[in-house]
Every structure is written in structure tokens, then in C-alpha cells.
Amino acid sequence: MLRTFASSSSRAIRAARAVRFNSTQAAPQQSTAYIVERTANGTLPVYSDVKGNATRTIIRRIRGSAEGELNEYLAAGHIDPITPAPSAILKPTSRQIEVKGRWVPELKAWLEMKGF
């Protein structure tokens, strides 16, 4: 009787793990040419980095090129006529995008609007 209980519970555990594994692997199809993967905690990988006097915003875990769309978004939201709009720089070896300045809340909202 103990073996029957152990085998049925192990089957249930394996089935639950299979459902969980398959549900995390299935990503929704998106029409964009890039993908931003979320962190293990489920948050967007957008961080601010301060070195000396310079502040920059970093978007990590990017597959593809989101540079063009991000530059359009930053240019559309820029209202200061004297200074140029911030530009996004893609670093393909580290799979991240850097933007000069502190843009963390704006970029997180933009990524959530895009469906990431």
C-alpha cells in the first residue's frame, strides 16, 4: 500500500512539474523584432547605473534590436528644444541597451505597454 501511495504521489508531482515547466517555456508570440526577458523575480530588467557624475539607464536581457523603436519613443517624449533627445546605444555582446540619464520608470512603462 505504501508503494501505491508513493508512485501515485510521484506521478502527481511529475505532472505538476511538467505543467509548470511547459507554462514557463511557452512565450506569447510578439510582432516585434526583439524580446526582453524578465528576471527570475518576474520584474523588468531596467536599472540605473551611477558612475561619478554620469547616470545612465540600462535595459538588460534583450534579444534582437530594440534600438530604433526606443530612440523614436525617447525623441517623441523629449520636450526641451535646447538639448538633444537622449539616444539608445545597443551593446550586442552584453545584450543590453544604454540610455544617458535616469529613465527607469519611463522605460519600464514603455516595455509594459509593448507587452513585455
N, C-alpha and C. Protein backbone atom coordinates (compact mmCIF):
# COMPACT_ATOMS: atom_id res chain seq x y z
N MET A 1 0.81 -1.18 0.00
CA MET A 1 0.00 0.00 0.00
C MET A 1 0.86 1.26 0.00
N LEU A 2 1.96 1.19 0.67
CA LEU A 2 2.86 2.34 0.71
C LEU A 2 3.45 2.61 -0.66
N ARG A 3 3.74 1.58 -1.42
CA ARG A 3 4.28 1.77 -2.76
C ARG A 3 3.26 2.42 -3.69
N THR A 4 2.03 2.04 -3.57
CA THR A 4 1.00 2.62 -4.40
C THR A 4 0.86 4.12 -4.11
N PHE A 5 0.90 4.49 -2.84
CA PHE A 5 0.81 5.89 -2.47
C PHE A 5 2.01 6.67 -2.99
N ALA A 6 3.21 6.09 -2.86
CA ALA A 6 4.42 6.79 -3.31
C ALA A 6 4.42 6.96 -4.82
N SER A 7 3.98 5.93 -5.55
CA SER A 7 4.01 6.05 -7.00
C SER A 7 2.95 7.03 -7.51
N SER A 8 1.78 7.05 -6.88
CA SER A 8 0.76 7.98 -7.33
C SER A 8 1.13 9.43 -6.98
N SER A 9 1.76 9.61 -5.81
CA SER A 9 2.15 10.98 -5.46
C SER A 9 3.32 11.44 -6.32
N SER A 10 4.24 10.54 -6.65
CA SER A 10 5.35 10.95 -7.51
C SER A 10 4.86 11.25 -8.92
N ARG A 11 3.84 10.52 -9.38
CA ARG A 11 3.27 10.83 -10.68
C ARG A 11 2.60 12.21 -10.66
N ALA A 12 1.92 12.52 -9.58
CA ALA A 12 1.26 13.82 -9.47
C ALA A 12 2.29 14.94 -9.43
N ILE A 13 3.39 14.71 -8.73
CA ILE A 13 4.46 15.72 -8.65
C ILE A 13 5.08 15.92 -10.03
N ARG A 14 5.36 14.83 -10.73
CA ARG A 14 5.92 14.94 -12.07
C ARG A 14 4.97 15.66 -13.02
N ALA A 15 3.69 15.38 -12.91
CA ALA A 15 2.71 16.05 -13.77
C ALA A 15 2.64 17.54 -13.46
N ALA A 16 2.69 17.89 -12.17
CA ALA A 16 2.66 19.31 -11.80
C ALA A 16 3.91 20.02 -12.29
N ARG A 17 5.06 19.36 -12.19
CA ARG A 17 6.30 19.96 -12.69
C ARG A 17 6.25 20.12 -14.20
N ALA A 18 5.69 19.16 -14.89
CA ALA A 18 5.62 19.25 -16.35
C ALA A 18 4.73 20.41 -16.77
N VAL A 19 3.61 20.59 -16.09
CA VAL A 19 2.71 21.70 -16.41
C VAL A 19 3.42 23.02 -16.13
N ARG A 20 4.10 23.10 -14.98
CA ARG A 20 4.79 24.34 -14.63
C ARG A 20 5.91 24.63 -15.61
N PHE A 21 6.69 23.60 -15.99
CA PHE A 21 7.79 23.79 -16.92
C PHE A 21 7.29 24.23 -18.29
N ASN A 22 6.25 23.58 -18.77
CA ASN A 22 5.71 23.92 -20.09
C ASN A 22 5.07 25.30 -20.10
N SER A 23 4.47 25.71 -18.99
CA SER A 23 3.83 27.02 -18.98
C SER A 23 4.86 28.14 -18.95
N THR A 24 6.03 27.91 -18.32
CA THR A 24 7.05 28.96 -18.30
C THR A 24 7.80 29.01 -19.62
N GLN A 25 7.86 27.93 -20.35
CA GLN A 25 8.59 27.91 -21.61
C GLN A 25 7.78 28.51 -22.76
N ALA A 26 6.46 28.45 -22.66
CA ALA A 26 5.63 28.96 -23.74
C ALA A 26 5.54 30.47 -23.64
N ALA A 27 6.15 31.16 -24.58
CA ALA A 27 6.14 32.62 -24.59
C ALA A 27 5.13 33.09 -25.63
N PRO A 28 4.42 34.17 -25.35
CA PRO A 28 3.47 34.67 -26.34
C PRO A 28 4.20 35.21 -27.56
N GLN A 29 3.61 34.97 -28.72
CA GLN A 29 4.23 35.45 -29.95
C GLN A 29 4.03 36.95 -30.06
N GLN A 30 5.12 37.67 -30.34
CA GLN A 30 5.04 39.11 -30.45
C GLN A 30 5.44 39.52 -31.85
N SER A 31 4.94 40.66 -32.30
CA SER A 31 5.21 41.11 -33.65
C SER A 31 6.48 41.96 -33.72
N THR A 32 7.16 42.16 -32.60
CA THR A 32 8.37 42.98 -32.59
C THR A 32 9.58 42.13 -32.98
N ALA A 33 10.66 42.80 -33.35
CA ALA A 33 11.88 42.11 -33.77
C ALA A 33 12.83 41.90 -32.59
N TYR A 34 12.32 42.07 -31.39
CA TYR A 34 13.16 41.90 -30.20
C TYR A 34 12.32 41.33 -29.07
N ILE A 35 13.02 40.77 -28.08
CA ILE A 35 12.38 40.19 -26.90
C ILE A 35 13.15 40.68 -25.68
N VAL A 36 12.44 41.11 -24.66
CA VAL A 36 13.05 41.47 -23.38
C VAL A 36 12.59 40.43 -22.37
N GLU A 37 13.54 39.64 -21.89
CA GLU A 37 13.22 38.59 -20.93
C GLU A 37 13.12 39.19 -19.53
N ARG A 38 12.16 38.72 -18.75
CA ARG A 38 12.03 39.18 -17.38
C ARG A 38 13.03 38.44 -16.48
N THR A 39 13.27 39.00 -15.30
CA THR A 39 14.20 38.40 -14.35
C THR A 39 13.53 37.21 -13.67
N ALA A 40 14.27 36.52 -12.81
CA ALA A 40 13.72 35.37 -12.10
C ALA A 40 12.59 35.79 -11.16
N ASN A 41 12.61 37.02 -10.68
CA ASN A 41 11.55 37.52 -9.81
C ASN A 41 10.33 37.98 -10.59
N GLY A 42 10.42 38.06 -11.90
CA GLY A 42 9.31 38.49 -12.73
C GLY A 42 9.28 39.98 -13.02
N THR A 43 10.34 40.70 -12.68
CA THR A 43 10.38 42.14 -12.94
C THR A 43 11.11 42.41 -14.25
N LEU A 44 10.93 43.61 -14.75
CA LEU A 44 11.62 44.00 -15.98
C LEU A 44 13.07 44.36 -15.65
N PRO A 45 14.02 43.97 -16.49
CA PRO A 45 15.44 44.22 -16.21
C PRO A 45 15.89 45.61 -16.62
N VAL A 46 15.34 46.64 -15.98
CA VAL A 46 15.70 48.03 -16.25
C VAL A 46 16.33 48.59 -14.98
N TYR A 47 17.56 49.08 -15.11
CA TYR A 47 18.31 49.52 -13.94
C TYR A 47 18.97 50.87 -14.22
N SER A 48 19.24 51.63 -13.16
CA SER A 48 20.02 52.85 -13.30
C SER A 48 21.41 52.58 -12.77
N ASP A 49 22.41 53.17 -13.41
CA ASP A 49 23.80 52.98 -13.06
C ASP A 49 24.43 54.35 -12.91
N VAL A 50 25.05 54.59 -11.76
CA VAL A 50 25.68 55.88 -11.49
C VAL A 50 27.17 55.65 -11.33
N LYS A 51 27.95 56.36 -12.15
CA LYS A 51 29.41 56.33 -12.05
C LYS A 51 29.89 57.77 -12.06
N GLY A 52 30.40 58.21 -10.92
CA GLY A 52 30.85 59.59 -10.83
C GLY A 52 29.67 60.53 -10.94
N ASN A 53 29.70 61.42 -11.92
CA ASN A 53 28.61 62.35 -12.16
C ASN A 53 27.64 61.85 -13.21
N ALA A 54 27.98 60.78 -13.89
CA ALA A 54 27.16 60.30 -15.01
C ALA A 54 26.14 59.27 -14.53
N THR A 55 24.89 59.45 -14.94
CA THR A 55 23.83 58.49 -14.67
C THR A 55 23.35 57.93 -16.00
N ARG A 56 23.19 56.64 -16.05
CA ARG A 56 22.69 56.02 -17.27
C ARG A 56 21.69 54.94 -16.89
N THR A 57 20.79 54.66 -17.79
CA THR A 57 19.78 53.63 -17.60
C THR A 57 20.14 52.46 -18.50
N ILE A 58 20.06 51.26 -17.94
CA ILE A 58 20.44 50.06 -18.67
C ILE A 58 19.25 49.11 -18.73
N ILE A 59 18.95 48.64 -19.94
CA ILE A 59 17.95 47.59 -20.15
C ILE A 59 18.72 46.34 -20.50
N ARG A 60 18.61 45.32 -19.70
CA ARG A 60 19.33 44.07 -19.93
C ARG A 60 18.41 43.00 -20.49
N ARG A 61 19.00 41.89 -20.85
CA ARG A 61 18.30 40.69 -21.34
C ARG A 61 17.50 40.96 -22.61
N ILE A 62 18.12 41.58 -23.59
CA ILE A 62 17.44 41.88 -24.84
C ILE A 62 17.95 40.95 -25.93
N ARG A 63 17.03 40.36 -26.64
CA ARG A 63 17.37 39.59 -27.84
C ARG A 63 16.78 40.32 -29.02
N GLY A 64 17.63 40.67 -29.96
CA GLY A 64 17.18 41.43 -31.12
C GLY A 64 17.59 42.88 -30.98
N SER A 65 17.02 43.73 -31.82
CA SER A 65 17.38 45.14 -31.83
C SER A 65 16.16 46.00 -31.56
N ALA A 66 16.10 46.58 -30.37
CA ALA A 66 15.02 47.48 -29.99
C ALA A 66 15.47 48.93 -30.06
N GLU A 67 16.65 49.14 -30.58
CA GLU A 67 17.27 50.46 -30.58
C GLU A 67 16.45 51.50 -31.34
N GLY A 68 15.96 51.16 -32.52
CA GLY A 68 15.21 52.11 -33.35
C GLY A 68 13.92 52.55 -32.70
N GLU A 69 13.12 51.60 -32.21
CA GLU A 69 11.85 51.93 -31.56
C GLU A 69 12.07 52.74 -30.29
N LEU A 70 13.12 52.40 -29.54
CA LEU A 70 13.40 53.11 -28.30
C LEU A 70 13.83 54.55 -28.58
N ASN A 71 14.63 54.76 -29.62
CA ASN A 71 15.02 56.12 -29.99
C ASN A 71 13.81 56.95 -30.42
N GLU A 72 12.87 56.35 -31.14
CA GLU A 72 11.65 57.05 -31.52
C GLU A 72 10.83 57.44 -30.30
N TYR A 73 10.73 56.53 -29.33
CA TYR A 73 9.99 56.80 -28.10
C TYR A 73 10.64 57.94 -27.31
N LEU A 74 11.96 57.91 -27.19
CA LEU A 74 12.66 58.94 -26.44
C LEU A 74 12.56 60.30 -27.14
N ALA A 75 12.62 60.31 -28.46
CA ALA A 75 12.51 61.56 -29.21
C ALA A 75 11.10 62.14 -29.11
N ALA A 76 10.10 61.28 -29.10
CA ALA A 76 8.71 61.76 -29.01
C ALA A 76 8.42 62.35 -27.63
N GLY A 77 9.05 61.81 -26.59
CA GLY A 77 8.81 62.30 -25.24
C GLY A 77 9.71 63.44 -24.83
N HIS A 78 10.65 63.83 -25.68
CA HIS A 78 11.60 64.90 -25.35
C HIS A 78 10.99 66.25 -25.70
N ILE A 79 10.94 67.16 -24.69
CA ILE A 79 10.28 68.45 -24.92
C ILE A 79 11.23 69.64 -24.84
N ASP A 80 12.47 69.42 -24.43
CA ASP A 80 13.42 70.52 -24.29
C ASP A 80 14.00 70.87 -25.67
N PRO A 81 13.78 72.11 -26.18
CA PRO A 81 14.27 72.44 -27.51
C PRO A 81 15.77 72.72 -27.56
N ILE A 82 16.39 72.92 -26.41
CA ILE A 82 17.82 73.27 -26.40
C ILE A 82 18.72 72.05 -26.43
N THR A 83 18.41 71.06 -25.63
CA THR A 83 19.25 69.86 -25.56
C THR A 83 18.73 68.80 -26.52
N PRO A 84 19.61 67.97 -27.04
CA PRO A 84 19.16 66.89 -27.92
C PRO A 84 18.48 65.77 -27.12
N ALA A 85 17.66 65.03 -27.80
CA ALA A 85 16.98 63.91 -27.16
C ALA A 85 18.00 62.83 -26.82
N PRO A 86 17.81 62.10 -25.72
CA PRO A 86 18.74 61.02 -25.40
C PRO A 86 18.65 59.91 -26.43
N SER A 87 19.77 59.28 -26.67
CA SER A 87 19.77 58.20 -27.66
C SER A 87 20.13 56.89 -27.00
N ALA A 88 19.58 55.83 -27.53
CA ALA A 88 19.84 54.49 -27.02
C ALA A 88 21.00 53.87 -27.79
N ILE A 89 21.88 53.21 -27.06
CA ILE A 89 23.04 52.55 -27.65
C ILE A 89 22.93 51.06 -27.37
N LEU A 90 22.92 50.26 -28.42
CA LEU A 90 22.83 48.81 -28.28
C LEU A 90 24.21 48.22 -28.11
N LYS A 91 24.39 47.37 -27.10
CA LYS A 91 25.64 46.65 -26.88
C LYS A 91 25.34 45.16 -27.09
N PRO A 92 25.63 44.64 -28.30
CA PRO A 92 25.19 43.28 -28.63
C PRO A 92 25.92 42.18 -27.86
N THR A 93 27.17 42.41 -27.45
CA THR A 93 27.88 41.35 -26.74
C THR A 93 27.32 41.11 -25.35
N SER A 94 26.86 42.16 -24.70
CA SER A 94 26.29 42.00 -23.36
C SER A 94 24.76 41.98 -23.38
N ARG A 95 24.15 42.06 -24.56
CA ARG A 95 22.70 42.03 -24.73
C ARG A 95 22.02 43.08 -23.87
N GLN A 96 22.47 44.33 -23.97
CA GLN A 96 21.84 45.40 -23.21
C GLN A 96 21.83 46.70 -24.00
N ILE A 97 20.94 47.59 -23.59
CA ILE A 97 20.82 48.91 -24.19
C ILE A 97 21.11 49.94 -23.11
N GLU A 98 21.91 50.95 -23.45
CA GLU A 98 22.22 52.02 -22.51
C GLU A 98 21.63 53.33 -23.01
N VAL A 99 21.05 54.09 -22.08
CA VAL A 99 20.49 55.41 -22.37
C VAL A 99 21.07 56.37 -21.35
N LYS A 100 21.57 57.51 -21.82
CA LYS A 100 22.10 58.50 -20.89
C LYS A 100 20.96 59.13 -20.10
N GLY A 101 21.15 59.27 -18.79
CA GLY A 101 20.14 59.87 -17.92
C GLY A 101 19.38 58.81 -17.15
N ARG A 102 18.49 59.27 -16.28
CA ARG A 102 17.68 58.36 -15.47
C ARG A 102 16.29 58.26 -16.07
N TRP A 103 16.04 57.13 -16.73
CA TRP A 103 14.79 56.89 -17.45
C TRP A 103 14.11 55.61 -16.99
N VAL A 104 14.40 55.13 -15.80
CA VAL A 104 13.90 53.83 -15.36
C VAL A 104 12.37 53.75 -15.37
N PRO A 105 11.63 54.66 -14.71
CA PRO A 105 10.16 54.49 -14.72
C PRO A 105 9.55 54.63 -16.11
N GLU A 106 10.10 55.52 -16.93
CA GLU A 106 9.56 55.70 -18.28
C GLU A 106 9.80 54.47 -19.15
N LEU A 107 11.01 53.90 -19.05
CA LEU A 107 11.30 52.72 -19.88
C LEU A 107 10.56 51.48 -19.41
N LYS A 108 10.35 51.35 -18.10
CA LYS A 108 9.55 50.23 -17.61
C LYS A 108 8.11 50.35 -18.11
N ALA A 109 7.56 51.57 -18.08
CA ALA A 109 6.20 51.77 -18.59
C ALA A 109 6.12 51.50 -20.09
N TRP A 110 7.16 51.90 -20.84
CA TRP A 110 7.19 51.66 -22.28
C TRP A 110 7.24 50.16 -22.58
N LEU A 111 8.08 49.41 -21.83
CA LEU A 111 8.17 47.97 -22.06
C LEU A 111 6.87 47.27 -21.69
N GLU A 112 6.23 47.70 -20.61
CA GLU A 112 4.94 47.09 -20.25
C GLU A 112 3.87 47.42 -21.29
N MET A 113 3.92 48.62 -21.85
CA MET A 113 2.99 48.99 -22.91
C MET A 113 3.21 48.11 -24.15
N LYS A 114 4.45 47.74 -24.41
CA LYS A 114 4.76 46.87 -25.55
C LYS A 114 4.39 45.42 -25.30
N GLY A 115 4.09 45.05 -24.05
CA GLY A 115 3.65 43.69 -23.75
C GLY A 115 4.72 42.79 -23.16
N PHE A 116 5.77 43.36 -22.65
CA PHE A 116 6.83 42.53 -22.06
C PHE A 116 6.65 42.38 -20.61
